[in-house]
Amino acid sequence: MSALAGERPARQVLRDYLMLTKPRIVLLLMLTGLAGMWVAAGGPPPPGLTTVTMVGLGMACGAANAINMWYDRDIDAVMKRTQKRPLPGGRLSPAQALWFGVTTGVLSFLILATVNLLTACLAAAGLLFYVLVYTMWLKRSTVHNIVIGGAAGAVPPLVGWAAVTGTVDWAALAMFLVVFVWTPPHFWALALFRGEDYARAGVPMLPVVRGERAAKWQILLYSVLLIPAGVSLYFTGRVGALYLVTAVASGCAMVAASVRLLREQMPRLDWAYRTYGWSLLYLTVIFLAMVVGVNRV
């Protein structure tokens, strides 16, 4: 077992704490939160407000991920893609991970409370839903884990919107809907080419429980639903034609990738992995389109 924190250089320890937050996921969630701020403001939000909100939101997302790693350390140890994480790798102790996650979560609430109480409560609700509902309950108990649990990852646009307006309206909910509908095909594509990992860990992901074919059809269904989900924001009047075209084109690209995945006869690693990559690109592009295509006020 590798040495724990305190026996290693501070730089390596800090890197492991950063790994607990899943920084690439945090950056993607922060993009959706920033888009929420941008659309709510009808253009660039105030720099000071943006900085405080993004720091607090990033900390809330990172805290949720750290507590998730603390709780899931047993299954992370048997899944090949997660065996090198700080806890199964023995580089941090469970107590250190839990302390870090809880402390970061509390600090995120205090930071966001300086913006307004609704913003802080929404971020805290997303954190608690991810930890208590998804991680500790749904993930290991139902094939619908990702469908319901996806609500946690869809909270950042609401946080960004509330930071600017102090409220949540239909446009914010439309942005929430995009991430909520996007989450199942994104994770089911991952589960297709990591199916042996999830089966070994006893996680009831759709491809493991219902089979590869059923999972592919569900990926296609949700990809089709992404088109109306994405377009819904346009009808709030907050974004213009550029966003509408991007939402339709991006949604159609996801559908095309899903159809190709459904028809795939070669080993599933190929198009399952590509569909997973397309889903990441989809979310990035559509939220950037919200920023670029916002109707300025």
C-alpha atoms as a PDB file:
ATOM      1  CA  MET A   1       0.000   0.000   0.000  1.00  0.00           C
ATOM      2  CA  SER A   2       1.239   3.464  -0.858  1.00  0.00           C
ATOM      3  CA  ALA A   3       2.137   5.920   1.861  1.00  0.00           C
ATOM      4  CA  LEU A   4      -0.659   8.038   3.314  1.00  0.00           C
ATOM      5  CA  ALA A   5      -0.720  11.833   3.417  1.00  0.00           C
ATOM      6  CA  GLY A   6       1.864  13.179   5.820  1.00  0.00           C
ATOM      7  CA  GLU A   7       4.569  10.763   4.616  1.00  0.00           C
ATOM      8  CA  ARG A   8       4.737  12.207   1.108  1.00  0.00           C
ATOM      9  CA  PRO A   9       5.640  15.565  -0.456  1.00  0.00           C
ATOM     10  CA  ALA A  10       2.930  18.207  -0.027  1.00  0.00           C
ATOM     11  CA  ARG A  11       2.572  18.563  -3.806  1.00  0.00           C
ATOM     12  CA  GLN A  12       1.582  14.915  -4.171  1.00  0.00           C
ATOM     13  CA  VAL A  13      -0.856  15.145  -1.278  1.00  0.00           C
ATOM     14  CA  LEU A  14      -2.514  18.244  -2.760  1.00  0.00           C
ATOM     15  CA  ARG A  15      -2.784  16.484  -6.104  1.00  0.00           C
ATOM     16  CA  ASP A  16      -4.583  13.572  -4.470  1.00  0.00           C
ATOM     17  CA  TYR A  17      -7.015  15.895  -2.691  1.00  0.00           C
ATOM     18  CA  LEU A  18      -7.675  17.553  -6.049  1.00  0.00           C
ATOM     19  CA  MET A  19      -8.326  14.129  -7.584  1.00  0.00           C
ATOM     20  CA  LEU A  20     -11.013  13.550  -4.952  1.00  0.00           C
ATOM     21  CA  THR A  21     -13.018  16.398  -6.482  1.00  0.00           C
ATOM     22  CA  LYS A  22     -12.987  14.887 -10.016  1.00  0.00           C
ATOM     23  CA  PRO A  23     -11.781  18.217 -11.492  1.00  0.00           C
ATOM     24  CA  ARG A  24     -12.770  17.570 -15.109  1.00  0.00           C
ATOM     25  CA  ILE A  25     -16.355  16.885 -14.070  1.00  0.00           C
ATOM     26  CA  VAL A  26     -16.324  19.968 -11.844  1.00  0.00           C
ATOM     27  CA  LEU A  27     -15.173  22.157 -14.742  1.00  0.00           C
ATOM     28  CA  LEU A  28     -18.018  20.889 -16.934  1.00  0.00           C
ATOM     29  CA  LEU A  29     -20.560  21.544 -14.179  1.00  0.00           C
ATOM     30  CA  MET A  30     -19.119  25.021 -13.634  1.00  0.00           C
ATOM     31  CA  LEU A  31     -19.616  25.718 -17.347  1.00  0.00           C
ATOM     32  CA  THR A  32     -23.322  24.910 -16.995  1.00  0.00           C
ATOM     33  CA  GLY A  33     -23.504  27.149 -13.924  1.00  0.00           C
ATOM     34  CA  LEU A  34     -21.744  29.979 -15.719  1.00  0.00           C
ATOM     35  CA  ALA A  35     -24.153  29.637 -18.637  1.00  0.00           C
ATOM     36  CA  GLY A  36     -27.016  29.933 -16.165  1.00  0.00           C
ATOM     37  CA  MET A  37     -25.546  33.212 -14.901  1.00  0.00           C
ATOM     38  CA  TRP A  38     -24.908  34.502 -18.411  1.00  0.00           C
ATOM     39  CA  VAL A  39     -28.394  33.796 -19.722  1.00  0.00           C
ATOM     40  CA  ALA A  40     -30.011  35.192 -16.574  1.00  0.00           C
ATOM     41  CA  ALA A  41     -27.997  38.410 -16.900  1.00  0.00           C
ATOM     42  CA  GLY A  42     -28.619  38.701 -20.649  1.00  0.00           C
ATOM     43  CA  GLY A  43     -24.874  39.024 -21.179  1.00  0.00           C
ATOM     44  CA  PRO A  44     -21.712  38.943 -19.061  1.00  0.00           C
ATOM     45  CA  PRO A  45     -22.609  38.868 -15.344  1.00  0.00           C
ATOM     46  CA  PRO A  46     -20.657  41.125 -12.932  1.00  0.00           C
ATOM     47  CA  PRO A  47     -17.075  39.824 -12.540  1.00  0.00           C
ATOM     48  CA  GLY A  48     -17.129  39.835  -8.744  1.00  0.00           C
ATOM     49  CA  LEU A  49     -20.413  37.961  -8.561  1.00  0.00           C
ATOM     50  CA  THR A  50     -19.184  35.488 -11.159  1.00  0.00           C
ATOM     51  CA  THR A  51     -15.975  34.774  -9.259  1.00  0.00           C
ATOM     52  CA  VAL A  52     -17.689  34.176  -5.918  1.00  0.00           C
ATOM     53  CA  THR A  53     -20.422  32.012  -7.476  1.00  0.00           C
ATOM     54  CA  MET A  54     -18.020  29.897  -9.504  1.00  0.00           C
ATOM     55  CA  VAL A  55     -15.722  29.333  -6.523  1.00  0.00           C
ATOM     56  CA  GLY A  56     -18.640  28.321  -4.312  1.00  0.00           C
ATOM     57  CA  LEU A  57     -20.240  26.145  -6.986  1.00  0.00           C
ATOM     58  CA  GLY A  58     -16.952  24.442  -7.816  1.00  0.00           C
ATOM     59  CA  MET A  59     -16.382  23.695  -4.142  1.00  0.00           C
ATOM     60  CA  ALA A  60     -19.899  22.261  -3.756  1.00  0.00           C
ATOM     61  CA  CYS A  61     -19.425  19.971  -6.768  1.00  0.00           C
ATOM     62  CA  GLY A  62     -15.959  18.946  -5.594  1.00  0.00           C
ATOM     63  CA  ALA A  63     -17.245  18.229  -2.096  1.00  0.00           C
ATOM     64  CA  ALA A  64     -19.996  15.978  -3.459  1.00  0.00           C
ATOM     65  CA  ASN A  65     -17.453  14.057  -5.513  1.00  0.00           C
ATOM     66  CA  ALA A  66     -15.069  13.683  -2.571  1.00  0.00           C
ATOM     67  CA  ILE A  67     -17.794  12.251  -0.326  1.00  0.00           C
ATOM     68  CA  ASN A  68     -18.839   9.997  -3.210  1.00  0.00           C
ATOM     69  CA  MET A  69     -15.274   8.642  -3.395  1.00  0.00           C
ATOM     70  CA  TRP A  70     -15.263   8.110   0.371  1.00  0.00           C
ATOM     71  CA  TYR A  71     -18.488   6.096   0.259  1.00  0.00           C
ATOM     72  CA  ASP A  72     -17.652   4.190  -2.944  1.00  0.00           C
ATOM     73  CA  ARG A  73     -14.101   3.259  -1.977  1.00  0.00           C
ATOM     74  CA  ASP A  74     -15.038  -0.431  -1.811  1.00  0.00           C
ATOM     75  CA  ILE A  75     -16.352  -0.635  -5.363  1.00  0.00           C
ATOM     76  CA  ASP A  76     -13.639   1.721  -6.665  1.00  0.00           C
ATOM     77  CA  ALA A  77     -11.111  -0.849  -5.475  1.00  0.00           C
ATOM     78  CA  VAL A  78     -12.513  -3.559  -7.768  1.00  0.00           C
ATOM     79  CA  MET A  79     -13.207  -1.443 -10.871  1.00  0.00           C
ATOM     80  CA  LYS A  80     -10.213  -1.116 -13.182  1.00  0.00           C
ATOM     81  CA  ARG A  81     -10.920   2.482 -14.173  1.00  0.00           C
ATOM     82  CA  THR A  82     -11.052   3.633 -10.533  1.00  0.00           C
ATOM     83  CA  GLN A  83      -8.404   1.478  -8.833  1.00  0.00           C
ATOM     84  CA  LYS A  84      -5.813   4.261  -9.024  1.00  0.00           C
ATOM     85  CA  ARG A  85      -7.951   6.817  -7.197  1.00  0.00           C
ATOM     86  CA  PRO A  86      -6.491   8.132  -3.914  1.00  0.00           C
ATOM     87  CA  LEU A  87      -8.512   5.894  -1.554  1.00  0.00           C
ATOM     88  CA  PRO A  88      -8.202   2.472  -3.253  1.00  0.00           C
ATOM     89  CA  GLY A  89      -4.596   3.400  -4.019  1.00  0.00           C
ATOM     90  CA  GLY A  90      -3.957   3.916  -0.315  1.00  0.00           C
ATOM     91  CA  ARG A  91      -2.638   7.460  -0.745  1.00  0.00           C
ATOM     92  CA  LEU A  92      -5.362   9.048   1.406  1.00  0.00           C
ATOM     93  CA  SER A  93      -7.345   7.554   4.258  1.00  0.00           C
ATOM     94  CA  PRO A  94     -11.163   7.379   4.319  1.00  0.00           C
ATOM     95  CA  ALA A  95     -11.213   9.817   7.249  1.00  0.00           C
ATOM     96  CA  GLN A  96      -9.143  12.344   5.300  1.00  0.00           C
ATOM     97  CA  ALA A  97     -11.438  12.116   2.293  1.00  0.00           C
ATOM     98  CA  LEU A  98     -14.597  12.480   4.374  1.00  0.00           C
ATOM     99  CA  TRP A  99     -13.182  15.401   6.358  1.00  0.00           C
ATOM    100  CA  PHE A 100     -12.137  17.124   3.150  1.00  0.00           C
ATOM    101  CA  GLY A 101     -15.528  16.624   1.498  1.00  0.00           C
ATOM    102  CA  VAL A 102     -17.600  17.785   4.452  1.00  0.00           C
ATOM    103  CA  THR A 103     -15.386  20.792   5.160  1.00  0.00           C
ATOM    104  CA  THR A 104     -15.377  21.859   1.522  1.00  0.00           C
ATOM    105  CA  GLY A 105     -19.157  21.483   1.355  1.00  0.00           C
ATOM    106  CA  VAL A 106     -19.706  23.651   4.428  1.00  0.00           C
ATOM    107  CA  LEU A 107     -17.326  26.315   3.107  1.00  0.00           C
ATOM    108  CA  SER A 108     -19.114  26.318  -0.244  1.00  0.00           C
ATOM    109  CA  PHE A 109     -22.430  27.023   1.494  1.00  0.00           C
ATOM    110  CA  LEU A 110     -20.920  29.904   3.469  1.00  0.00           C
ATOM    111  CA  ILE A 111     -19.370  31.401   0.338  1.00  0.00           C
ATOM    112  CA  LEU A 112     -22.558  31.138  -1.710  1.00  0.00           C
ATOM    113  CA  ALA A 113     -24.624  32.532   1.161  1.00  0.00           C
ATOM    114  CA  THR A 114     -22.784  35.834   0.592  1.00  0.00           C
ATOM    115  CA  VAL A 115     -24.449  35.889  -2.840  1.00  0.00           C
ATOM    116  CA  ASN A 116     -27.936  35.013  -1.585  1.00  0.00           C
ATOM    117  CA  LEU A 117     -29.510  32.271   0.473  1.00  0.00           C
ATOM    118  CA  LEU A 118     -31.332  30.629  -2.445  1.00  0.00           C
ATOM    119  CA  THR A 119     -28.058  30.145  -4.325  1.00  0.00           C
ATOM    120  CA  ALA A 120     -26.440  28.525  -1.291  1.00  0.00           C
ATOM    121  CA  CYS A 121     -29.455  26.288  -0.623  1.00  0.00           C
ATOM    122  CA  LEU A 122     -29.666  25.109  -4.242  1.00  0.00           C
ATOM    123  CA  ALA A 123     -25.984  24.141  -4.269  1.00  0.00           C
ATOM    124  CA  ALA A 124     -26.354  22.384  -0.925  1.00  0.00           C
ATOM    125  CA  ALA A 125     -29.452  20.560  -2.172  1.00  0.00           C
ATOM    126  CA  GLY A 126     -27.541  19.323  -5.215  1.00  0.00           C
ATOM    127  CA  LEU A 127     -24.681  18.129  -3.014  1.00  0.00           C
ATOM    128  CA  LEU A 128     -26.984  16.323  -0.587  1.00  0.00           C
ATOM    129  CA  PHE A 129     -29.057  14.753  -3.375  1.00  0.00           C
ATOM    130  CA  TYR A 130     -25.908  13.424  -5.042  1.00  0.00           C
ATOM    131  CA  VAL A 131     -24.509  12.018  -1.803  1.00  0.00           C
ATOM    132  CA  LEU A 132     -27.600  10.796   0.050  1.00  0.00           C
ATOM    133  CA  VAL A 133     -30.020   9.917  -2.740  1.00  0.00           C
ATOM    134  CA  TYR A 134     -27.758   8.876  -5.616  1.00  0.00           C
ATOM    135  CA  THR A 135     -24.525   7.612  -4.003  1.00  0.00           C
ATOM    136  CA  MET A 136     -25.879   6.032  -0.818  1.00  0.00           C
ATOM    137  CA  TRP A 137     -29.225   4.774  -2.101  1.00  0.00           C
ATOM    138  CA  LEU A 138     -29.910   4.626  -5.837  1.00  0.00           C
ATOM    139  CA  LYS A 139     -26.509   3.716  -7.256  1.00  0.00           C
ATOM    140  CA  ARG A 140     -26.382   0.267  -5.698  1.00  0.00           C
ATOM    141  CA  SER A 141     -30.086  -0.516  -5.523  1.00  0.00           C
ATOM    142  CA  THR A 142     -31.840   0.215  -8.834  1.00  0.00           C
ATOM    143  CA  VAL A 143     -31.319   0.185 -12.560  1.00  0.00           C
ATOM    144  CA  HIS A 144     -32.882   3.653 -12.577  1.00  0.00           C
ATOM    145  CA  ASN A 145     -29.980   5.080 -10.558  1.00  0.00           C
ATOM    146  CA  ILE A 146     -28.725   7.411 -13.289  1.00  0.00           C
ATOM    147  CA  VAL A 147     -32.176   8.534 -14.443  1.00  0.00           C
ATOM    148  CA  ILE A 148     -33.180   9.817 -11.009  1.00  0.00           C
ATOM    149  CA  GLY A 149     -29.699  10.674  -9.783  1.00  0.00           C
ATOM    150  CA  GLY A 150     -29.101  12.867 -12.816  1.00  0.00           C
ATOM    151  CA  ALA A 151     -31.081  15.606 -11.092  1.00  0.00           C
ATOM    152  CA  ALA A 152     -28.037  16.370  -8.920  1.00  0.00           C
ATOM    153  CA  GLY A 153     -25.824  17.128 -11.905  1.00  0.00           C
ATOM    154  CA  ALA A 154     -28.523  19.348 -13.392  1.00  0.00           C
ATOM    155  CA  VAL A 155     -28.539  21.763 -10.433  1.00  0.00           C
ATOM    156  CA  PRO A 156     -25.597  24.069 -11.408  1.00  0.00           C
ATOM    157  CA  PRO A 157     -27.592  26.094 -14.001  1.00  0.00           C
ATOM    158  CA  LEU A 158     -30.171  26.770 -11.275  1.00  0.00           C
ATOM    159  CA  VAL A 159     -27.376  27.907  -8.961  1.00  0.00           C
ATOM    160  CA  GLY A 160     -26.019  30.274 -11.601  1.00  0.00           C
ATOM    161  CA  TRP A 161     -29.461  31.641 -12.375  1.00  0.00           C
ATOM    162  CA  ALA A 162     -30.317  32.222  -8.711  1.00  0.00           C
ATOM    163  CA  ALA A 163     -26.998  33.999  -8.144  1.00  0.00           C
ATOM    164  CA  VAL A 164     -27.976  36.661 -10.696  1.00  0.00           C
ATOM    165  CA  THR A 165     -31.719  36.960 -10.114  1.00  0.00           C
ATOM    166  CA  GLY A 166     -32.377  35.597  -6.637  1.00  0.00           C
ATOM    167  CA  THR A 167     -35.102  33.409  -8.160  1.00  0.00           C
ATOM    168  CA  VAL A 168     -35.580  30.427 -10.472  1.00  0.00           C
ATOM    169  CA  ASP A 169     -37.829  30.721 -13.545  1.00  0.00           C
ATOM    170  CA  TRP A 170     -38.792  28.687 -16.622  1.00  0.00           C
ATOM    171  CA  ALA A 171     -35.585  29.414 -18.516  1.00  0.00           C
ATOM    172  CA  ALA A 172     -33.520  28.084 -15.627  1.00  0.00           C
ATOM    173  CA  LEU A 173     -35.675  24.963 -15.523  1.00  0.00           C
ATOM    174  CA  ALA A 174     -35.178  24.487 -19.262  1.00  0.00           C
ATOM    175  CA  MET A 175     -31.412  24.492 -18.697  1.00  0.00           C
ATOM    176  CA  PHE A 176     -31.885  22.022 -15.842  1.00  0.00           C
ATOM    177  CA  LEU A 177     -33.897  19.802 -18.221  1.00  0.00           C
ATOM    178  CA  VAL A 178     -31.080  19.675 -20.782  1.00  0.00           C
ATOM    179  CA  VAL A 179     -28.602  18.239 -18.269  1.00  0.00           C
ATOM    180  CA  PHE A 180     -31.212  15.936 -16.724  1.00  0.00           C
ATOM    181  CA  VAL A 181     -32.095  14.337 -20.081  1.00  0.00           C
ATOM    182  CA  TRP A 182     -28.432  14.242 -21.162  1.00  0.00           C
ATOM    183  CA  THR A 183     -27.225  12.299 -18.108  1.00  0.00           C
ATOM    184  CA  PRO A 184     -28.668   8.806 -18.841  1.00  0.00           C
ATOM    185  CA  PRO A 185     -27.277   8.379 -22.379  1.00  0.00           C
ATOM    186  CA  HIS A 186     -23.938   9.812 -21.237  1.00  0.00           C
ATOM    187  CA  PHE A 187     -23.494   7.307 -18.386  1.00  0.00           C
ATOM    188  CA  TRP A 188     -25.092   4.357 -20.155  1.00  0.00           C
ATOM    189  CA  ALA A 189     -22.614   4.767 -23.011  1.00  0.00           C
ATOM    190  CA  LEU A 190     -19.842   4.688 -20.399  1.00  0.00           C
ATOM    191  CA  ALA A 191     -21.405   1.609 -18.805  1.00  0.00           C
ATOM    192  CA  LEU A 192     -21.492  -0.171 -22.163  1.00  0.00           C
ATOM    193  CA  PHE A 193     -17.740  -0.160 -22.615  1.00  0.00           C
ATOM    194  CA  ARG A 194     -17.082  -0.527 -18.873  1.00  0.00           C
ATOM    195  CA  GLY A 195     -19.728  -3.191 -18.326  1.00  0.00           C
ATOM    196  CA  GLU A 196     -17.367  -5.748 -16.797  1.00  0.00           C
ATOM    197  CA  ASP A 197     -16.272  -3.170 -14.225  1.00  0.00           C
ATOM    198  CA  TYR A 198     -19.822  -2.414 -13.117  1.00  0.00           C
ATOM    199  CA  ALA A 199     -20.740  -6.103 -13.039  1.00  0.00           C
ATOM    200  CA  ARG A 200     -17.684  -6.917 -10.942  1.00  0.00           C
ATOM    201  CA  ALA A 201     -18.593  -4.137  -8.493  1.00  0.00           C
ATOM    202  CA  GLY A 202     -22.253  -5.160  -8.323  1.00  0.00           C
ATOM    203  CA  VAL A 203     -23.548  -1.800  -9.576  1.00  0.00           C
ATOM    204  CA  PRO A 204     -26.908  -2.342 -11.370  1.00  0.00           C
ATOM    205  CA  MET A 205     -26.249  -0.195 -14.408  1.00  0.00           C
ATOM    206  CA  LEU A 206     -28.731  -0.666 -17.253  1.00  0.00           C
ATOM    207  CA  PRO A 207     -26.402  -2.566 -19.636  1.00  0.00           C
ATOM    208  CA  VAL A 208     -25.470  -4.979 -16.846  1.00  0.00           C
ATOM    209  CA  VAL A 209     -29.047  -5.666 -15.678  1.00  0.00           C
ATOM    210  CA  ARG A 210     -31.104  -5.391 -18.886  1.00  0.00           C
ATOM    211  CA  GLY A 211     -28.436  -6.157 -21.460  1.00  0.00           C
ATOM    212  CA  GLU A 212     -26.554  -4.315 -24.146  1.00  0.00           C
ATOM    213  CA  ARG A 213     -29.416  -4.119 -26.652  1.00  0.00           C
ATOM    214  CA  ALA A 214     -31.874  -2.599 -24.176  1.00  0.00           C
ATOM    215  CA  ALA A 215     -29.277  -0.053 -23.119  1.00  0.00           C
ATOM    216  CA  LYS A 216     -28.648   0.990 -26.718  1.00  0.00           C
ATOM    217  CA  TRP A 217     -32.358   1.549 -27.328  1.00  0.00           C
ATOM    218  CA  GLN A 218     -32.613   3.659 -24.176  1.00  0.00           C
ATOM    219  CA  ILE A 219     -29.593   5.707 -25.237  1.00  0.00           C
ATOM    220  CA  LEU A 220     -31.322   6.371 -28.544  1.00  0.00           C
ATOM    221  CA  LEU A 221     -34.593   7.310 -26.832  1.00  0.00           C
ATOM    222  CA  TYR A 222     -32.971   9.830 -24.526  1.00  0.00           C
ATOM    223  CA  SER A 223     -30.865  11.217 -27.366  1.00  0.00           C
ATOM    224  CA  VAL A 224     -34.067  11.903 -29.311  1.00  0.00           C
ATOM    225  CA  LEU A 225     -35.529  13.618 -26.233  1.00  0.00           C
ATOM    226  CA  LEU A 226     -32.485  15.878 -26.096  1.00  0.00           C
ATOM    227  CA  ILE A 227     -33.737  17.736 -29.176  1.00  0.00           C
ATOM    228  CA  PRO A 228     -36.982  19.086 -27.639  1.00  0.00           C
ATOM    229  CA  ALA A 229     -35.246  19.497 -24.269  1.00  0.00           C
ATOM    230  CA  GLY A 230     -32.564  21.654 -25.861  1.00  0.00           C
ATOM    231  CA  VAL A 231     -34.998  23.620 -28.006  1.00  0.00           C
ATOM    232  CA  SER A 232     -37.218  24.444 -25.004  1.00  0.00           C
ATOM    233  CA  LEU A 233     -34.871  27.214 -23.846  1.00  0.00           C
ATOM    234  CA  TYR A 234     -35.384  29.071 -27.127  1.00  0.00           C
ATOM    235  CA  PHE A 235     -39.095  29.497 -26.440  1.00  0.00           C
ATOM    236  CA  THR A 236     -38.392  31.376 -23.209  1.00  0.00           C
ATOM    237  CA  GLY A 237     -37.069  34.258 -25.324  1.00  0.00           C
ATOM    238  CA  ARG A 238     -33.717  34.261 -23.531  1.00  0.00           C
ATOM    239  CA  VAL A 239     -31.654  32.968 -26.469  1.00  0.00           C
ATOM    240  CA  GLY A 240     -31.748  33.599 -30.187  1.00  0.00           C
ATOM    241  CA  ALA A 241     -31.612  31.750 -33.495  1.00  0.00           C
ATOM    242  CA  LEU A 242     -27.929  30.847 -33.173  1.00  0.00           C
ATOM    243  CA  TYR A 243     -28.688  28.829 -30.077  1.00  0.00           C
ATOM    244  CA  LEU A 244     -31.735  27.214 -31.702  1.00  0.00           C
ATOM    245  CA  VAL A 245     -29.717  26.011 -34.690  1.00  0.00           C
ATOM    246  CA  THR A 246     -26.937  24.734 -32.424  1.00  0.00           C
ATOM    247  CA  ALA A 247     -29.383  22.904 -30.150  1.00  0.00           C
ATOM    248  CA  VAL A 248     -31.072  21.153 -33.066  1.00  0.00           C
ATOM    249  CA  ALA A 249     -27.804  20.298 -34.819  1.00  0.00           C
ATOM    250  CA  SER A 250     -26.170  19.021 -31.627  1.00  0.00           C
ATOM    251  CA  GLY A 251     -29.212  16.956 -30.755  1.00  0.00           C
ATOM    252  CA  CYS A 252     -29.296  15.426 -34.224  1.00  0.00           C
ATOM    253  CA  ALA A 253     -25.608  14.565 -33.913  1.00  0.00           C
ATOM    254  CA  MET A 254     -26.325  12.729 -30.661  1.00  0.00           C
ATOM    255  CA  VAL A 255     -29.182  10.846 -32.326  1.00  0.00           C
ATOM    256  CA  ALA A 256     -26.918   9.902 -35.243  1.00  0.00           C
ATOM    257  CA  ALA A 257     -24.250   8.596 -32.883  1.00  0.00           C
ATOM    258  CA  SER A 258     -26.895   6.615 -30.979  1.00  0.00           C
ATOM    259  CA  VAL A 259     -28.281   5.080 -34.181  1.00  0.00           C
ATOM    260  CA  ARG A 260     -24.763   4.082 -35.197  1.00  0.00           C
ATOM    261  CA  LEU A 261     -24.255   2.563 -31.743  1.00  0.00           C
ATOM    262  CA  LEU A 262     -27.515   0.607 -32.057  1.00  0.00           C
ATOM    263  CA  ARG A 263     -26.424  -0.825 -35.404  1.00  0.00           C
ATOM    264  CA  GLU A 264     -22.878  -1.616 -34.290  1.00  0.00           C
ATOM    265  CA  GLN A 265     -21.869  -5.202 -34.958  1.00  0.00           C
ATOM    266  CA  MET A 266     -18.223  -4.825 -34.031  1.00  0.00           C
ATOM    267  CA  PRO A 267     -16.987  -5.000 -30.396  1.00  0.00           C
ATOM    268  CA  ARG A 268     -18.976  -2.494 -28.382  1.00  0.00           C
ATOM    269  CA  LEU A 269     -15.912  -0.579 -27.199  1.00  0.00           C
ATOM    270  CA  ASP A 270     -15.773   1.304 -30.498  1.00  0.00           C
ATOM    271  CA  TRP A 271     -19.083   3.143 -30.810  1.00  0.00           C
ATOM    272  CA  ALA A 272     -19.974   3.075 -27.120  1.00  0.00           C
ATOM    273  CA  TYR A 273     -16.798   5.022 -26.444  1.00  0.00           C
ATOM    274  CA  ARG A 274     -17.492   7.373 -29.347  1.00  0.00           C
ATOM    275  CA  THR A 275     -21.058   7.992 -28.163  1.00  0.00           C
ATOM    276  CA  TYR A 276     -19.700   8.762 -24.697  1.00  0.00           C
ATOM    277  CA  GLY A 277     -17.310  11.258 -26.278  1.00  0.00           C
ATOM    278  CA  TRP A 278     -20.099  12.786 -28.366  1.00  0.00           C
ATOM    279  CA  SER A 279     -22.176  13.278 -25.232  1.00  0.00           C
ATOM    280  CA  LEU A 280     -19.394  15.274 -23.586  1.00  0.00           C
ATOM    281  CA  LEU A 281     -19.027  17.373 -26.710  1.00  0.00           C
ATOM    282  CA  TYR A 282     -22.793  17.884 -26.882  1.00  0.00           C
ATOM    283  CA  LEU A 283     -23.066  19.324 -23.385  1.00  0.00           C
ATOM    284  CA  THR A 284     -20.064  21.584 -23.884  1.00  0.00           C
ATOM    285  CA  VAL A 285     -21.300  22.920 -27.222  1.00  0.00           C
ATOM    286  CA  ILE A 286     -24.904  23.537 -26.215  1.00  0.00           C
ATOM    287  CA  PHE A 287     -23.988  25.443 -23.055  1.00  0.00           C
ATOM    288  CA  LEU A 288     -21.398  27.501 -24.902  1.00  0.00           C
ATOM    289  CA  ALA A 289     -24.135  28.235 -27.454  1.00  0.00           C
ATOM    290  CA  MET A 290     -26.296  29.579 -24.629  1.00  0.00           C
ATOM    291  CA  VAL A 291     -23.525  32.034 -23.760  1.00  0.00           C
ATOM    292  CA  VAL A 292     -22.813  33.077 -27.346  1.00  0.00           C
ATOM    293  CA  GLY A 293     -26.447  33.099 -28.472  1.00  0.00           C
ATOM    294  CA  VAL A 294     -27.980  34.884 -25.467  1.00  0.00           C
ATOM    295  CA  ASN A 295     -30.437  37.696 -26.194  1.00  0.00           C
ATOM    296  CA  ARG A 296     -28.647  40.631 -24.616  1.00  0.00           C
ATOM    297  CA  VAL A 297     -30.492  43.037 -22.388  1.00  0.00           C
END
